[in-house]
Amino acid sequence: MKQAVIDASVIAKWVVDEDHSDRAIRLLALDARHAPSHWRAEAVNVLWAKVFRGDLTAADAEERMGVLMRAPIIDTPIESLMPRAFAISVAGSVTIYDGLYVALAEKLGAPMVTADHRLIRKMAGDAALSKLMIWVGDYEI
């Protein structure tokens, strides 16, 4: 089964035309797409930022939010991931939000696809975790 953990920076590209949106959309062909259950708040925050900057109208963002809410993502409750995510976050100097995605990828033994170069750089210090990290532009289905 072909699966991956996909972070909100990639999921948001399903409804917002940005660099590598085409690559992000291809991830819909995976057998399973996983994310910690907080992904919706992060993805909708991308839409809010687009409205705030004047790139989208509020009505357009709300329509796209509806699409995101129906996205085919397998949610994992964050409670089960929190202890490991905290350790990853402290060791790697990343947010707990990012640590949750990395912890889930580690738990599943699945790649984590992200559009966050900073996160990839921060995880480079841990050989095992860095092997899980894949830039959205490099992921092949």
N, C-alpha and C. Protein backbone atom coordinates (compact mmCIF):
# COMPACT_ATOMS: atom_id res chain seq x y z
N MET A 1 0.85 -1.18 0.00
CA MET A 1 0.00 0.00 0.00
C MET A 1 0.89 1.24 0.00
N LYS A 2 0.64 2.14 -0.91
CA LYS A 2 1.40 3.39 -1.02
C LYS A 2 0.72 4.44 -0.15
N GLN A 3 1.45 4.92 0.87
CA GLN A 3 0.88 5.89 1.79
C GLN A 3 1.93 6.93 2.16
N ALA A 4 1.46 8.06 2.68
CA ALA A 4 2.36 9.11 3.15
C ALA A 4 1.63 9.96 4.18
N VAL A 5 2.43 10.59 5.02
CA VAL A 5 1.92 11.64 5.90
C VAL A 5 2.10 12.93 5.13
N ILE A 6 1.05 13.72 5.07
CA ILE A 6 1.07 14.96 4.28
C ILE A 6 0.76 16.11 5.22
N ASP A 7 1.62 17.12 5.23
CA ASP A 7 1.38 18.23 6.15
C ASP A 7 0.49 19.30 5.51
N ALA A 8 0.05 20.22 6.34
CA ALA A 8 -0.91 21.25 5.91
C ALA A 8 -0.35 22.14 4.81
N SER A 9 0.96 22.32 4.76
CA SER A 9 1.55 23.15 3.71
C SER A 9 1.32 22.52 2.34
N VAL A 10 1.20 21.21 2.30
CA VAL A 10 0.94 20.49 1.05
C VAL A 10 -0.57 20.37 0.82
N ILE A 11 -1.32 20.03 1.85
CA ILE A 11 -2.77 19.88 1.71
C ILE A 11 -3.40 21.17 1.21
N ALA A 12 -2.96 22.31 1.70
CA ALA A 12 -3.52 23.60 1.28
C ALA A 12 -3.33 23.82 -0.22
N LYS A 13 -2.27 23.25 -0.78
CA LYS A 13 -2.01 23.41 -2.21
C LYS A 13 -3.06 22.72 -3.07
N TRP A 14 -3.88 21.87 -2.47
CA TRP A 14 -4.96 21.24 -3.21
C TRP A 14 -6.02 22.26 -3.61
N VAL A 15 -6.12 23.37 -2.86
CA VAL A 15 -7.16 24.36 -3.14
C VAL A 15 -6.61 25.75 -3.43
N VAL A 16 -5.31 25.93 -3.32
CA VAL A 16 -4.67 27.22 -3.58
C VAL A 16 -3.57 26.99 -4.61
N ASP A 17 -3.63 27.73 -5.70
CA ASP A 17 -2.63 27.57 -6.75
C ASP A 17 -1.32 28.23 -6.32
N GLU A 18 -0.34 27.41 -6.00
CA GLU A 18 0.97 27.86 -5.57
C GLU A 18 2.03 27.00 -6.26
N ASP A 19 3.29 27.32 -6.03
CA ASP A 19 4.36 26.46 -6.53
C ASP A 19 4.13 25.04 -6.04
N HIS A 20 4.26 24.10 -6.93
CA HIS A 20 4.14 22.67 -6.65
C HIS A 20 2.72 22.22 -6.31
N SER A 21 1.71 23.04 -6.61
CA SER A 21 0.32 22.58 -6.40
C SER A 21 0.04 21.34 -7.25
N ASP A 22 0.59 21.31 -8.45
CA ASP A 22 0.38 20.15 -9.32
C ASP A 22 0.96 18.88 -8.68
N ARG A 23 2.11 19.00 -8.04
CA ARG A 23 2.72 17.85 -7.37
C ARG A 23 1.88 17.44 -6.15
N ALA A 24 1.37 18.43 -5.43
CA ALA A 24 0.54 18.14 -4.26
C ALA A 24 -0.72 17.39 -4.67
N ILE A 25 -1.33 17.81 -5.76
CA ILE A 25 -2.57 17.18 -6.22
C ILE A 25 -2.32 15.72 -6.59
N ARG A 26 -1.16 15.40 -7.10
CA ARG A 26 -0.84 14.01 -7.45
C ARG A 26 -0.88 13.09 -6.23
N LEU A 27 -0.69 13.65 -5.05
CA LEU A 27 -0.72 12.84 -3.83
C LEU A 27 -2.10 12.23 -3.58
N LEU A 28 -3.11 12.76 -4.24
CA LEU A 28 -4.45 12.19 -4.10
C LEU A 28 -4.52 10.78 -4.68
N ALA A 29 -3.53 10.41 -5.50
CA ALA A 29 -3.49 9.06 -6.08
C ALA A 29 -2.95 8.01 -5.10
N LEU A 30 -2.41 8.44 -3.97
CA LEU A 30 -1.92 7.49 -2.98
C LEU A 30 -3.06 6.63 -2.45
N ASP A 31 -2.72 5.44 -1.99
CA ASP A 31 -3.73 4.58 -1.36
C ASP A 31 -4.23 5.18 -0.06
N ALA A 32 -3.32 5.85 0.68
CA ALA A 32 -3.69 6.44 1.97
C ALA A 32 -2.88 7.70 2.22
N ARG A 33 -3.57 8.74 2.68
CA ARG A 33 -2.96 10.02 3.04
C ARG A 33 -3.28 10.26 4.51
N HIS A 34 -2.25 10.42 5.32
CA HIS A 34 -2.41 10.56 6.76
C HIS A 34 -2.00 11.95 7.22
N ALA A 35 -2.61 12.39 8.32
CA ALA A 35 -2.21 13.64 8.98
C ALA A 35 -2.72 13.61 10.42
N PRO A 36 -2.01 14.29 11.32
CA PRO A 36 -2.54 14.46 12.67
C PRO A 36 -3.83 15.28 12.59
N SER A 37 -4.72 15.07 13.51
CA SER A 37 -6.06 15.66 13.43
C SER A 37 -6.10 17.19 13.44
N HIS A 38 -5.02 17.85 13.80
CA HIS A 38 -5.02 19.32 13.80
C HIS A 38 -4.78 19.92 12.41
N TRP A 39 -4.59 19.11 11.38
CA TRP A 39 -4.22 19.61 10.06
C TRP A 39 -5.23 20.60 9.50
N ARG A 40 -6.51 20.42 9.81
CA ARG A 40 -7.53 21.32 9.25
C ARG A 40 -7.30 22.76 9.69
N ALA A 41 -7.00 22.95 10.97
CA ALA A 41 -6.76 24.32 11.47
C ALA A 41 -5.58 24.95 10.75
N GLU A 42 -4.53 24.18 10.54
CA GLU A 42 -3.36 24.71 9.85
C GLU A 42 -3.65 25.03 8.38
N ALA A 43 -4.38 24.14 7.71
CA ALA A 43 -4.69 24.36 6.30
C ALA A 43 -5.63 25.55 6.12
N VAL A 44 -6.61 25.67 6.98
CA VAL A 44 -7.53 26.81 6.90
C VAL A 44 -6.80 28.10 7.24
N ASN A 45 -5.79 28.04 8.08
CA ASN A 45 -4.99 29.22 8.38
C ASN A 45 -4.29 29.74 7.12
N VAL A 46 -3.92 28.85 6.22
CA VAL A 46 -3.34 29.26 4.94
C VAL A 46 -4.36 30.10 4.17
N LEU A 47 -5.62 29.65 4.16
CA LEU A 47 -6.67 30.41 3.48
C LEU A 47 -6.88 31.76 4.15
N TRP A 48 -6.90 31.79 5.47
CA TRP A 48 -7.04 33.06 6.19
C TRP A 48 -5.93 34.03 5.78
N ALA A 49 -4.71 33.53 5.71
CA ALA A 49 -3.57 34.39 5.33
C ALA A 49 -3.75 34.94 3.92
N LYS A 50 -4.30 34.12 3.02
CA LYS A 50 -4.55 34.59 1.65
C LYS A 50 -5.60 35.69 1.64
N VAL A 51 -6.62 35.57 2.47
CA VAL A 51 -7.64 36.62 2.58
C VAL A 51 -7.02 37.88 3.18
N PHE A 52 -6.26 37.71 4.23
CA PHE A 52 -5.62 38.83 4.92
C PHE A 52 -4.72 39.63 3.97
N ARG A 53 -4.00 38.92 3.09
CA ARG A 53 -3.10 39.59 2.13
C ARG A 53 -3.83 40.10 0.89
N GLY A 54 -5.11 39.76 0.77
CA GLY A 54 -5.87 40.22 -0.39
C GLY A 54 -5.76 39.31 -1.60
N ASP A 55 -5.23 38.10 -1.42
CA ASP A 55 -5.08 37.17 -2.53
C ASP A 55 -6.37 36.39 -2.82
N LEU A 56 -7.25 36.29 -1.83
CA LEU A 56 -8.54 35.61 -1.97
C LEU A 56 -9.61 36.46 -1.29
N THR A 57 -10.83 36.36 -1.80
CA THR A 57 -11.95 36.96 -1.07
C THR A 57 -12.35 36.00 0.05
N ALA A 58 -13.04 36.51 1.04
CA ALA A 58 -13.50 35.65 2.13
C ALA A 58 -14.45 34.58 1.60
N ALA A 59 -15.31 34.95 0.66
CA ALA A 59 -16.26 33.99 0.10
C ALA A 59 -15.53 32.87 -0.64
N ASP A 60 -14.52 33.22 -1.41
CA ASP A 60 -13.74 32.22 -2.12
C ASP A 60 -13.01 31.31 -1.14
N ALA A 61 -12.45 31.89 -0.10
CA ALA A 61 -11.74 31.11 0.92
C ALA A 61 -12.70 30.15 1.62
N GLU A 62 -13.92 30.60 1.91
CA GLU A 62 -14.90 29.74 2.57
C GLU A 62 -15.28 28.56 1.68
N GLU A 63 -15.40 28.81 0.38
CA GLU A 63 -15.70 27.73 -0.56
C GLU A 63 -14.56 26.70 -0.56
N ARG A 64 -13.34 27.20 -0.61
CA ARG A 64 -12.18 26.31 -0.61
C ARG A 64 -12.05 25.57 0.73
N MET A 65 -12.44 26.23 1.80
CA MET A 65 -12.42 25.59 3.11
C MET A 65 -13.35 24.37 3.11
N GLY A 66 -14.50 24.51 2.47
CA GLY A 66 -15.43 23.38 2.37
C GLY A 66 -14.80 22.19 1.66
N VAL A 67 -14.03 22.47 0.61
CA VAL A 67 -13.32 21.40 -0.10
C VAL A 67 -12.30 20.75 0.83
N LEU A 68 -11.56 21.56 1.56
CA LEU A 68 -10.56 21.02 2.50
C LEU A 68 -11.21 20.13 3.56
N MET A 69 -12.37 20.54 4.05
CA MET A 69 -13.03 19.77 5.11
C MET A 69 -13.44 18.38 4.63
N ARG A 70 -13.57 18.22 3.32
CA ARG A 70 -13.93 16.92 2.75
C ARG A 70 -12.72 16.17 2.19
N ALA A 71 -11.53 16.68 2.42
CA ALA A 71 -10.32 16.07 1.86
C ALA A 71 -10.15 14.64 2.37
N PRO A 72 -9.69 13.76 1.49
CA PRO A 72 -9.52 12.35 1.85
C PRO A 72 -8.24 12.11 2.66
N ILE A 73 -8.31 12.49 3.91
CA ILE A 73 -7.17 12.35 4.83
C ILE A 73 -7.58 11.42 5.97
N ILE A 74 -6.72 10.51 6.32
CA ILE A 74 -6.94 9.66 7.49
C ILE A 74 -6.38 10.42 8.69
N ASP A 75 -7.29 10.82 9.58
CA ASP A 75 -6.90 11.58 10.77
C ASP A 75 -6.36 10.66 11.86
N THR A 76 -5.31 11.11 12.51
CA THR A 76 -4.80 10.43 13.70
C THR A 76 -4.93 11.40 14.87
N PRO A 77 -5.60 10.98 15.95
CA PRO A 77 -5.73 11.86 17.11
C PRO A 77 -4.35 12.28 17.63
N ILE A 78 -4.22 13.54 17.96
CA ILE A 78 -2.91 14.05 18.37
C ILE A 78 -2.50 13.56 19.75
N GLU A 79 -3.45 13.16 20.57
CA GLU A 79 -3.11 12.73 21.93
C GLU A 79 -2.11 11.57 21.92
N SER A 80 -2.30 10.63 21.01
CA SER A 80 -1.41 9.47 20.96
C SER A 80 -0.01 9.83 20.44
N LEU A 81 0.09 10.94 19.74
CA LEU A 81 1.36 11.36 19.15
C LEU A 81 2.13 12.35 20.01
N MET A 82 1.44 12.97 20.96
CA MET A 82 2.00 14.11 21.68
C MET A 82 3.33 13.85 22.39
N PRO A 83 3.48 12.76 23.15
CA PRO A 83 4.77 12.58 23.83
C PRO A 83 5.96 12.54 22.86
N ARG A 84 5.83 11.78 21.78
CA ARG A 84 6.93 11.70 20.81
C ARG A 84 7.08 13.01 20.06
N ALA A 85 5.98 13.64 19.71
CA ALA A 85 6.03 14.93 19.01
C ALA A 85 6.75 15.98 19.85
N PHE A 86 6.50 15.96 21.15
CA PHE A 86 7.17 16.91 22.04
C PHE A 86 8.68 16.68 22.03
N ALA A 87 9.08 15.42 22.13
CA ALA A 87 10.51 15.10 22.11
C ALA A 87 11.15 15.52 20.79
N ILE A 88 10.48 15.27 19.68
CA ILE A 88 10.99 15.67 18.36
C ILE A 88 11.09 17.18 18.28
N SER A 89 10.08 17.87 18.78
CA SER A 89 10.05 19.34 18.72
C SER A 89 11.18 19.96 19.54
N VAL A 90 11.41 19.43 20.72
CA VAL A 90 12.48 19.95 21.57
C VAL A 90 13.85 19.67 20.94
N ALA A 91 14.06 18.43 20.50
CA ALA A 91 15.35 18.06 19.93
C ALA A 91 15.65 18.78 18.62
N GLY A 92 14.61 19.00 17.82
CA GLY A 92 14.81 19.60 16.50
C GLY A 92 14.52 21.07 16.41
N SER A 93 14.11 21.67 17.52
CA SER A 93 13.74 23.10 17.54
C SER A 93 12.68 23.42 16.49
N VAL A 94 11.64 22.59 16.48
CA VAL A 94 10.50 22.82 15.58
C VAL A 94 9.24 22.95 16.42
N THR A 95 8.19 23.50 15.83
CA THR A 95 6.94 23.65 16.56
C THR A 95 6.34 22.28 16.88
N ILE A 96 5.51 22.25 17.88
CA ILE A 96 4.82 21.00 18.21
C ILE A 96 3.91 20.60 17.05
N TYR A 97 3.38 21.58 16.32
CA TYR A 97 2.52 21.28 15.17
C TYR A 97 3.30 20.46 14.14
N ASP A 98 4.52 20.89 13.85
CA ASP A 98 5.37 20.14 12.91
C ASP A 98 5.80 18.81 13.51
N GLY A 99 6.12 18.82 14.79
CA GLY A 99 6.52 17.59 15.46
C GLY A 99 5.46 16.50 15.39
N LEU A 100 4.20 16.89 15.38
CA LEU A 100 3.11 15.92 15.29
C LEU A 100 3.14 15.18 13.95
N TYR A 101 3.38 15.90 12.86
CA TYR A 101 3.47 15.25 11.55
C TYR A 101 4.65 14.28 11.51
N VAL A 102 5.79 14.73 12.02
CA VAL A 102 7.00 13.90 12.01
C VAL A 102 6.78 12.65 12.88
N ALA A 103 6.18 12.82 14.04
CA ALA A 103 5.90 11.69 14.92
C ALA A 103 4.98 10.68 14.24
N LEU A 104 3.99 11.17 13.52
CA LEU A 104 3.08 10.27 12.81
C LEU A 104 3.81 9.51 11.71
N ALA A 105 4.65 10.21 10.95
CA ALA A 105 5.43 9.54 9.90
C ALA A 105 6.31 8.45 10.50
N GLU A 106 6.94 8.76 11.63
CA GLU A 106 7.79 7.78 12.30
C GLU A 106 6.96 6.58 12.76
N LYS A 107 5.82 6.84 13.35
CA LYS A 107 4.94 5.77 13.85
C LYS A 107 4.49 4.84 12.72
N LEU A 108 4.15 5.43 11.58
CA LEU A 108 3.65 4.65 10.44
C LEU A 108 4.78 4.07 9.59
N GLY A 109 5.99 4.59 9.77
CA GLY A 109 7.09 4.19 8.89
C GLY A 109 6.84 4.64 7.47
N ALA A 110 6.18 5.79 7.34
CA ALA A 110 5.80 6.33 6.04
C ALA A 110 6.54 7.63 5.78
N PRO A 111 6.73 7.99 4.52
CA PRO A 111 7.35 9.28 4.23
C PRO A 111 6.45 10.42 4.67
N MET A 112 7.07 11.54 5.00
CA MET A 112 6.33 12.76 5.31
C MET A 112 6.59 13.77 4.21
N VAL A 113 5.55 14.14 3.49
CA VAL A 113 5.67 15.08 2.38
C VAL A 113 5.32 16.47 2.88
N THR A 114 6.23 17.41 2.64
CA THR A 114 6.06 18.78 3.12
C THR A 114 6.53 19.79 2.08
N ALA A 115 6.03 21.00 2.21
CA ALA A 115 6.50 22.13 1.41
C ALA A 115 7.27 23.10 2.30
N ASP A 116 7.70 22.62 3.45
CA ASP A 116 8.38 23.45 4.44
C ASP A 116 9.88 23.12 4.46
N HIS A 117 10.66 23.91 3.71
CA HIS A 117 12.11 23.68 3.65
C HIS A 117 12.76 23.78 5.04
N ARG A 118 12.26 24.70 5.85
CA ARG A 118 12.82 24.89 7.18
C ARG A 118 12.69 23.60 8.00
N LEU A 119 11.55 22.97 7.94
CA LEU A 119 11.34 21.73 8.68
C LEU A 119 12.30 20.64 8.20
N ILE A 120 12.47 20.53 6.91
CA ILE A 120 13.39 19.53 6.37
C ILE A 120 14.81 19.79 6.88
N ARG A 121 15.22 21.05 6.86
CA ARG A 121 16.56 21.41 7.36
C ARG A 121 16.71 21.06 8.85
N LYS A 122 15.69 21.37 9.63
CA LYS A 122 15.76 21.11 11.07
C LYS A 122 15.82 19.61 11.37
N MET A 123 15.16 18.81 10.57
CA MET A 123 15.16 17.36 10.79
C MET A 123 16.43 16.70 10.28
N ALA A 124 17.24 17.43 9.53
CA ALA A 124 18.48 16.87 8.98
C ALA A 124 19.44 16.41 10.07
N GLY A 125 19.30 16.95 11.27
CA GLY A 125 20.17 16.57 12.38
C GLY A 125 19.88 15.19 12.96
N ASP A 126 18.76 14.60 12.60
CA ASP A 126 18.40 13.26 13.07
C ASP A 126 18.34 12.33 11.85
N ALA A 127 19.31 11.45 11.75
CA ALA A 127 19.43 10.61 10.55
C ALA A 127 18.16 9.81 10.26
N ALA A 128 17.57 9.22 11.28
CA ALA A 128 16.37 8.40 11.06
C ALA A 128 15.19 9.24 10.60
N LEU A 129 14.99 10.38 11.26
CA LEU A 129 13.85 11.23 10.89
C LEU A 129 14.07 11.92 9.56
N SER A 130 15.29 12.30 9.26
CA SER A 130 15.54 13.00 8.00
C SER A 130 15.25 12.10 6.80
N LYS A 131 15.39 10.79 6.98
CA LYS A 131 15.07 9.85 5.89
C LYS A 131 13.58 9.83 5.57
N LEU A 132 12.76 10.23 6.52
CA LEU A 132 11.31 10.25 6.31
C LEU A 132 10.85 11.50 5.56
N MET A 133 11.63 12.56 5.62
CA MET A 133 11.23 13.86 5.10
C MET A 133 11.41 13.93 3.58
N ILE A 134 10.36 14.37 2.88
CA ILE A 134 10.43 14.52 1.43
C ILE A 134 9.81 15.85 1.03
N TRP A 135 10.54 16.62 0.26
CA TRP A 135 10.06 17.87 -0.32
C TRP A 135 8.97 17.55 -1.33
N VAL A 136 7.87 18.27 -1.31
CA VAL A 136 6.73 18.00 -2.19
C VAL A 136 7.14 17.95 -3.66
N GLY A 137 8.09 18.77 -4.05
CA GLY A 137 8.54 18.78 -5.44
C GLY A 137 9.34 17.57 -5.84
N ASP A 138 9.81 16.81 -4.86
CA ASP A 138 10.64 15.62 -5.13
C ASP A 138 9.89 14.31 -4.98
N TYR A 139 8.69 14.33 -4.41
CA TYR A 139 7.98 13.08 -4.13
C TYR A 139 7.46 12.47 -5.43
N GLU A 140 7.74 11.20 -5.60
CA GLU A 140 7.26 10.45 -6.77
C GLU A 140 6.25 9.41 -6.33
N ILE A 141 5.15 9.36 -7.04
CA ILE A 141 4.11 8.38 -6.71
C ILE A 141 4.34 7.10 -7.49
